[in-house]
């Protein structure tokens, strides 16, 4: 039987200057790992937030009119008798008719195509 020789690679105590450097490096490594862990948690939290939040706003496509491919939408906007249209604007499923009645102040009338009715009749007064 042969006796085992002591290992030459045994840990020998470091001199005090090298021990201080080693401790500083370990602290720096722990701080860096902590910062990276916090940043990773922030990224994962943001991803979870984006996936689980409910959006109260109606998407632009949802507000658009669903037009069947085989037929157009038919709707009648019953404007007041004698109303003269001077401008028209479209926003999603709503049409704005701007004009006036003879001898009256200008008016803006909003017609909702999906509801099939006038949703607003606004008198425009100037100061």
N, C-alpha and C. Protein backbone atom coordinates (compact mmCIF):
# COMPACT_ATOMS: atom_id res chain seq x y z
N UNK A 1 0.81 -1.15 0.00
CA UNK A 1 0.00 0.00 0.00
C UNK A 1 0.87 1.25 0.00
N UNK A 2 0.43 2.12 -0.79
CA UNK A 2 1.21 3.35 -0.88
C UNK A 2 0.46 4.46 -0.16
N UNK A 3 1.15 5.26 0.53
CA UNK A 3 0.55 6.40 1.22
C UNK A 3 0.34 7.51 0.22
N UNK A 4 -0.78 8.18 0.36
CA UNK A 4 -1.05 9.26 -0.57
C UNK A 4 -0.26 10.49 -0.17
N UNK A 5 0.30 11.12 -1.17
CA UNK A 5 1.10 12.32 -0.92
C UNK A 5 0.17 13.50 -0.71
N UNK A 6 0.53 14.44 0.12
CA UNK A 6 -0.32 15.61 0.32
C UNK A 6 -0.47 16.36 -1.01
N UNK A 7 -1.65 16.87 -1.22
CA UNK A 7 -1.95 17.57 -2.47
C UNK A 7 -1.21 18.90 -2.52
N UNK A 8 -0.47 19.10 -3.60
CA UNK A 8 0.28 20.34 -3.74
C UNK A 8 -0.64 21.52 -4.05
N UNK A 9 -1.85 21.23 -4.49
CA UNK A 9 -2.78 22.29 -4.89
C UNK A 9 -3.68 22.70 -3.73
N UNK A 10 -3.33 22.35 -2.52
CA UNK A 10 -4.14 22.70 -1.36
C UNK A 10 -4.26 24.21 -1.25
N UNK A 11 -5.42 24.69 -0.72
CA UNK A 11 -5.61 26.13 -0.56
C UNK A 11 -4.65 26.66 0.50
N UNK A 12 -3.91 27.62 0.09
CA UNK A 12 -2.99 28.27 1.03
C UNK A 12 -3.56 29.65 1.31
N UNK A 13 -3.43 30.14 2.48
CA UNK A 13 -3.97 31.47 2.78
C UNK A 13 -3.31 32.53 1.91
N UNK A 14 -4.17 33.47 1.47
CA UNK A 14 -3.68 34.56 0.64
C UNK A 14 -3.11 35.66 1.52
N UNK A 15 -2.27 36.45 0.92
CA UNK A 15 -1.77 37.59 1.69
C UNK A 15 -2.92 38.59 1.86
N UNK A 16 -2.89 39.45 2.83
CA UNK A 16 -4.02 40.34 3.14
C UNK A 16 -4.45 41.24 1.97
N UNK A 17 -3.55 41.70 1.16
CA UNK A 17 -3.93 42.58 0.03
C UNK A 17 -4.75 41.80 -1.00
N UNK A 18 -4.31 40.59 -1.31
CA UNK A 18 -5.05 39.77 -2.28
C UNK A 18 -6.40 39.33 -1.71
N UNK A 19 -6.49 39.10 -0.42
CA UNK A 19 -7.76 38.74 0.22
C UNK A 19 -8.76 39.90 0.12
N UNK A 20 -8.29 41.14 0.31
CA UNK A 20 -9.17 42.31 0.17
C UNK A 20 -9.68 42.44 -1.27
N UNK A 21 -8.81 42.22 -2.24
CA UNK A 21 -9.22 42.29 -3.65
C UNK A 21 -10.25 41.21 -3.95
N UNK A 22 -10.04 40.00 -3.43
CA UNK A 22 -10.98 38.90 -3.66
C UNK A 22 -12.34 39.23 -3.06
N UNK A 23 -12.38 39.79 -1.86
CA UNK A 23 -13.65 40.15 -1.22
C UNK A 23 -14.38 41.23 -2.01
N UNK A 24 -13.63 42.23 -2.49
CA UNK A 24 -14.25 43.27 -3.30
C UNK A 24 -14.84 42.70 -4.59
N UNK A 25 -14.13 41.77 -5.21
CA UNK A 25 -14.62 41.15 -6.44
C UNK A 25 -15.89 40.32 -6.18
N UNK A 26 -15.94 39.62 -5.05
CA UNK A 26 -17.13 38.85 -4.70
C UNK A 26 -18.31 39.78 -4.47
N UNK A 27 -18.09 40.91 -3.76
CA UNK A 27 -19.15 41.88 -3.53
C UNK A 27 -19.64 42.47 -4.85
N UNK A 28 -18.72 42.80 -5.74
CA UNK A 28 -19.09 43.36 -7.04
C UNK A 28 -19.90 42.34 -7.85
N UNK A 29 -19.52 41.10 -7.79
CA UNK A 29 -20.26 40.05 -8.50
C UNK A 29 -21.67 39.90 -7.93
N UNK A 30 -21.83 39.95 -6.61
CA UNK A 30 -23.14 39.83 -5.99
C UNK A 30 -24.03 41.04 -6.35
N UNK A 31 -23.46 42.24 -6.33
CA UNK A 31 -24.23 43.43 -6.70
C UNK A 31 -24.66 43.35 -8.16
N UNK A 32 -23.77 42.95 -9.05
CA UNK A 32 -24.10 42.82 -10.47
C UNK A 32 -25.20 41.78 -10.68
N UNK A 33 -25.10 40.66 -9.99
CA UNK A 33 -26.12 39.62 -10.13
C UNK A 33 -27.46 40.13 -9.60
N UNK A 34 -27.45 40.89 -8.50
CA UNK A 34 -28.69 41.45 -7.97
C UNK A 34 -29.35 42.43 -8.93
N UNK A 35 -28.54 43.30 -9.54
CA UNK A 35 -29.08 44.27 -10.50
C UNK A 35 -29.66 43.54 -11.71
N UNK A 36 -28.97 42.55 -12.20
CA UNK A 36 -29.49 41.78 -13.35
C UNK A 36 -30.77 41.05 -12.99
N UNK A 37 -30.87 40.54 -11.78
CA UNK A 37 -32.07 39.85 -11.35
C UNK A 37 -33.25 40.83 -11.28
N UNK A 38 -33.02 42.02 -10.75
CA UNK A 38 -34.08 43.03 -10.68
C UNK A 38 -34.53 43.42 -12.08
N UNK A 39 -33.60 43.61 -13.00
CA UNK A 39 -33.95 43.98 -14.38
C UNK A 39 -34.72 42.85 -15.07
N UNK A 40 -34.34 41.62 -14.83
CA UNK A 40 -35.06 40.49 -15.42
C UNK A 40 -36.48 40.43 -14.88
N UNK A 41 -36.64 40.68 -13.58
CA UNK A 41 -37.99 40.68 -13.00
C UNK A 41 -38.82 41.82 -13.58
N UNK A 42 -38.20 42.97 -13.83
CA UNK A 42 -38.93 44.10 -14.42
C UNK A 42 -39.40 43.76 -15.83
N UNK A 43 -38.56 43.12 -16.61
CA UNK A 43 -38.95 42.73 -17.98
C UNK A 43 -40.07 41.71 -17.93
N UNK A 44 -39.96 40.71 -17.08
CA UNK A 44 -41.01 39.70 -16.98
C UNK A 44 -42.31 40.32 -16.46
N UNK A 45 -42.22 41.24 -15.51
CA UNK A 45 -43.42 41.92 -15.02
C UNK A 45 -44.09 42.73 -16.11
N UNK A 46 -43.32 43.40 -16.95
CA UNK A 46 -43.88 44.17 -18.05
C UNK A 46 -44.57 43.26 -19.05
N UNK A 47 -43.98 42.13 -19.35
CA UNK A 47 -44.59 41.18 -20.29
C UNK A 47 -45.91 40.66 -19.72
N UNK A 48 -45.92 40.30 -18.46
CA UNK A 48 -47.16 39.80 -17.84
C UNK A 48 -48.22 40.90 -17.84
N UNK A 49 -47.83 42.14 -17.55
CA UNK A 49 -48.78 43.26 -17.55
C UNK A 49 -49.38 43.45 -18.93
N UNK A 50 -48.55 43.43 -19.95
CA UNK A 50 -49.05 43.64 -21.31
C UNK A 50 -50.00 42.52 -21.74
N UNK A 51 -49.74 41.30 -21.30
CA UNK A 51 -50.56 40.17 -21.71
C UNK A 51 -51.88 40.09 -20.94
N UNK A 52 -51.91 40.61 -19.71
CA UNK A 52 -53.11 40.43 -18.90
C UNK A 52 -54.00 41.65 -18.78
N UNK A 53 -53.56 42.82 -19.24
CA UNK A 53 -54.40 44.01 -19.08
C UNK A 53 -55.56 43.98 -20.07
N UNK A 54 -56.67 44.58 -19.64
CA UNK A 54 -57.82 44.71 -20.51
C UNK A 54 -57.85 46.13 -21.03
N UNK A 55 -58.02 46.28 -22.31
CA UNK A 55 -58.01 47.59 -22.93
C UNK A 55 -59.43 48.09 -23.03
N UNK A 56 -59.73 49.22 -22.36
CA UNK A 56 -61.08 49.77 -22.38
C UNK A 56 -61.39 50.49 -23.68
N UNK A 57 -60.37 50.86 -24.41
CA UNK A 57 -60.60 51.57 -25.66
C UNK A 57 -61.01 50.57 -26.73
N UNK A 58 -61.89 51.02 -27.61
CA UNK A 58 -62.34 50.17 -28.71
C UNK A 58 -61.31 50.27 -29.82
N UNK A 59 -60.79 49.14 -30.30
CA UNK A 59 -59.83 49.20 -31.39
C UNK A 59 -60.45 49.83 -32.64
N UNK A 60 -59.61 50.41 -33.47
CA UNK A 60 -60.10 51.10 -34.67
C UNK A 60 -60.84 50.14 -35.60
N UNK A 61 -60.40 48.90 -35.70
CA UNK A 61 -61.08 47.95 -36.57
C UNK A 61 -62.45 47.57 -36.02
N UNK A 62 -62.60 47.53 -34.69
CA UNK A 62 -63.88 47.16 -34.10
C UNK A 62 -64.91 48.26 -34.30
N UNK A 63 -64.46 49.51 -34.37
CA UNK A 63 -65.38 50.63 -34.54
C UNK A 63 -65.83 50.76 -35.99
N UNK A 64 -65.12 50.13 -36.91
CA UNK A 64 -65.46 50.22 -38.32
C UNK A 64 -66.75 49.45 -38.60
N UNK A 65 -67.38 49.80 -39.68
CA UNK A 65 -68.64 49.18 -40.06
C UNK A 65 -68.35 47.80 -40.66
N UNK A 66 -69.12 46.81 -40.23
CA UNK A 66 -68.99 45.48 -40.81
C UNK A 66 -69.83 45.45 -42.08
N UNK A 67 -69.17 45.49 -43.22
CA UNK A 67 -69.86 45.50 -44.50
C UNK A 67 -69.80 44.10 -45.10
N UNK A 68 -70.97 43.50 -45.36
CA UNK A 68 -70.95 42.20 -45.99
C UNK A 68 -70.41 42.32 -47.42
N UNK A 69 -69.75 41.28 -47.87
CA UNK A 69 -69.11 41.34 -49.19
C UNK A 69 -70.12 41.31 -50.34
N UNK A 70 -71.30 40.77 -50.09
CA UNK A 70 -72.27 40.65 -51.19
C UNK A 70 -73.19 41.85 -51.34
N UNK A 71 -73.28 42.72 -50.33
CA UNK A 71 -74.20 43.84 -50.43
C UNK A 71 -73.69 45.02 -49.64
N UNK A 72 -73.95 46.24 -50.10
CA UNK A 72 -73.55 47.41 -49.32
C UNK A 72 -74.53 47.68 -48.18
N UNK A 73 -74.13 48.51 -47.25
CA UNK A 73 -74.99 48.90 -46.15
C UNK A 73 -75.95 49.98 -46.65
N UNK A 74 -77.24 49.81 -46.37
CA UNK A 74 -78.24 50.81 -46.73
C UNK A 74 -78.73 51.49 -45.48
N UNK A 75 -78.63 52.83 -45.45
CA UNK A 75 -79.09 53.60 -44.31
C UNK A 75 -79.62 54.94 -44.81
N UNK A 76 -80.59 55.50 -44.09
CA UNK A 76 -81.17 56.79 -44.45
C UNK A 76 -80.96 57.74 -43.28
N UNK A 77 -80.29 58.86 -43.55
CA UNK A 77 -80.10 59.90 -42.53
C UNK A 77 -81.19 60.94 -42.75
N UNK A 78 -82.16 60.99 -41.85
CA UNK A 78 -83.30 61.91 -41.98
C UNK A 78 -82.90 63.27 -41.44
N UNK A 79 -82.36 64.13 -42.32
CA UNK A 79 -81.98 65.48 -41.93
C UNK A 79 -83.21 66.37 -41.92
N UNK A 80 -83.20 67.46 -41.16
CA UNK A 80 -84.37 68.35 -41.11
C UNK A 80 -84.69 68.92 -42.50
N UNK A 81 -85.97 69.19 -42.73
CA UNK A 81 -86.40 69.75 -44.01
C UNK A 81 -85.76 71.11 -44.22
N UNK A 82 -85.20 71.34 -45.40
CA UNK A 82 -84.56 72.60 -45.74
C UNK A 82 -83.12 72.70 -45.29
N UNK A 83 -82.57 71.67 -44.68
CA UNK A 83 -81.19 71.69 -44.21
C UNK A 83 -80.25 71.64 -45.41
N UNK A 84 -79.34 72.60 -45.51
CA UNK A 84 -78.36 72.66 -46.60
C UNK A 84 -77.03 72.15 -46.08
N UNK A 85 -76.52 71.11 -46.69
CA UNK A 85 -75.25 70.51 -46.28
C UNK A 85 -74.11 71.29 -46.93
N UNK A 86 -73.17 71.78 -46.10
CA UNK A 86 -72.00 72.48 -46.63
C UNK A 86 -70.72 71.67 -46.51
N UNK A 87 -70.72 70.70 -45.59
CA UNK A 87 -69.53 69.88 -45.41
C UNK A 87 -69.94 68.55 -44.80
N UNK A 88 -69.21 67.49 -45.17
CA UNK A 88 -69.47 66.15 -44.65
C UNK A 88 -68.14 65.54 -44.21
N UNK A 89 -68.14 64.84 -43.07
CA UNK A 89 -66.94 64.15 -42.59
C UNK A 89 -67.35 62.78 -42.07
N UNK A 90 -66.44 61.81 -42.23
CA UNK A 90 -66.68 60.44 -41.80
C UNK A 90 -65.63 60.05 -40.76
N UNK A 91 -66.08 59.45 -39.65
CA UNK A 91 -65.18 58.96 -38.62
C UNK A 91 -65.71 57.62 -38.14
N UNK A 92 -65.05 56.55 -38.55
CA UNK A 92 -65.50 55.21 -38.16
C UNK A 92 -66.87 54.94 -38.74
N UNK A 93 -67.86 54.77 -37.88
CA UNK A 93 -69.23 54.50 -38.34
C UNK A 93 -70.13 55.72 -38.21
N UNK A 94 -69.54 56.90 -37.99
CA UNK A 94 -70.34 58.10 -37.82
C UNK A 94 -70.05 59.10 -38.94
N UNK A 95 -71.13 59.73 -39.42
CA UNK A 95 -71.03 60.74 -40.47
C UNK A 95 -71.47 62.08 -39.88
N UNK A 96 -70.66 63.11 -40.10
CA UNK A 96 -70.99 64.45 -39.63
C UNK A 96 -71.45 65.27 -40.82
N UNK A 97 -72.67 65.80 -40.72
CA UNK A 97 -73.20 66.70 -41.74
C UNK A 97 -73.16 68.10 -41.14
N UNK A 98 -72.44 69.01 -41.78
CA UNK A 98 -72.37 70.38 -41.31
C UNK A 98 -73.09 71.27 -42.32
N UNK A 99 -73.98 72.09 -41.83
CA UNK A 99 -74.74 72.97 -42.71
C UNK A 99 -75.64 73.86 -41.90
N UNK A 100 -76.73 74.35 -42.57
CA UNK A 100 -77.64 75.22 -41.84
C UNK A 100 -79.03 75.17 -42.45
N UNK A 101 -79.97 75.59 -41.65
CA UNK A 101 -81.35 75.77 -42.10
C UNK A 101 -81.50 77.22 -42.55
N UNK A 102 -82.43 77.50 -43.46
CA UNK A 102 -82.61 78.88 -43.90
C UNK A 102 -82.97 79.79 -42.72
N UNK A 103 -82.22 80.88 -42.55
CA UNK A 103 -82.48 81.85 -41.50
C UNK A 103 -82.11 81.37 -40.11
N UNK A 104 -81.33 80.33 -39.99
CA UNK A 104 -80.95 79.81 -38.66
C UNK A 104 -79.43 79.73 -38.56
N UNK A 105 -78.97 79.48 -37.33
CA UNK A 105 -77.54 79.35 -37.09
C UNK A 105 -77.04 78.02 -37.68
N UNK A 106 -75.73 77.93 -37.98
CA UNK A 106 -75.19 76.67 -38.51
C UNK A 106 -75.38 75.53 -37.52
N UNK A 107 -75.48 74.32 -38.06
CA UNK A 107 -75.68 73.13 -37.24
C UNK A 107 -74.77 72.01 -37.71
N UNK A 108 -74.45 71.16 -36.77
CA UNK A 108 -73.69 69.94 -37.06
C UNK A 108 -74.54 68.77 -36.61
N UNK A 109 -74.80 67.87 -37.53
CA UNK A 109 -75.65 66.70 -37.24
C UNK A 109 -74.80 65.46 -37.43
N UNK A 110 -74.76 64.61 -36.39
CA UNK A 110 -73.98 63.38 -36.43
C UNK A 110 -74.93 62.20 -36.60
N UNK A 111 -74.68 61.40 -37.65
CA UNK A 111 -75.49 60.22 -37.94
C UNK A 111 -74.62 58.99 -37.74
N UNK A 112 -75.10 58.05 -36.92
CA UNK A 112 -74.37 56.81 -36.68
C UNK A 112 -74.93 55.73 -37.59
N UNK A 113 -74.08 55.20 -38.46
CA UNK A 113 -74.53 54.22 -39.46
C UNK A 113 -74.91 52.91 -38.81
N UNK A 114 -74.13 52.45 -37.82
CA UNK A 114 -74.44 51.16 -37.20
C UNK A 114 -75.73 51.23 -36.39
N UNK A 115 -76.01 52.37 -35.75
CA UNK A 115 -77.25 52.53 -34.99
C UNK A 115 -78.41 52.88 -35.92
N UNK A 116 -78.11 53.48 -37.08
CA UNK A 116 -79.15 53.83 -38.04
C UNK A 116 -79.97 55.04 -37.62
N UNK A 117 -79.37 55.94 -36.81
CA UNK A 117 -80.13 57.11 -36.36
C UNK A 117 -79.18 58.28 -36.12
N UNK A 118 -79.77 59.46 -35.96
CA UNK A 118 -79.00 60.65 -35.64
C UNK A 118 -78.68 60.61 -34.15
N UNK A 119 -77.40 60.74 -33.82
CA UNK A 119 -76.98 60.65 -32.42
C UNK A 119 -76.68 62.02 -31.82
N UNK A 120 -76.52 63.04 -32.64
CA UNK A 120 -76.25 64.38 -32.11
C UNK A 120 -76.73 65.43 -33.09
N UNK A 121 -77.36 66.48 -32.55
CA UNK A 121 -77.79 67.64 -33.34
C UNK A 121 -77.28 68.86 -32.60
N UNK A 122 -76.23 69.48 -33.14
CA UNK A 122 -75.52 70.53 -32.44
C UNK A 122 -75.71 71.86 -33.17
N UNK A 123 -76.17 72.84 -32.44
CA UNK A 123 -76.27 74.20 -32.99
C UNK A 123 -74.95 74.91 -32.75
N UNK A 124 -74.40 75.50 -33.82
CA UNK A 124 -73.11 76.18 -33.72
C UNK A 124 -73.34 77.68 -33.63
N UNK A 125 -73.01 78.25 -32.48
CA UNK A 125 -73.19 79.69 -32.28
C UNK A 125 -71.83 80.37 -32.32
N UNK A 126 -71.80 81.52 -32.94
CA UNK A 126 -70.56 82.30 -32.95
C UNK A 126 -70.68 83.43 -31.94
N UNK A 127 -69.58 83.82 -31.39
CA UNK A 127 -69.56 84.89 -30.38
C UNK A 127 -69.56 86.24 -31.04
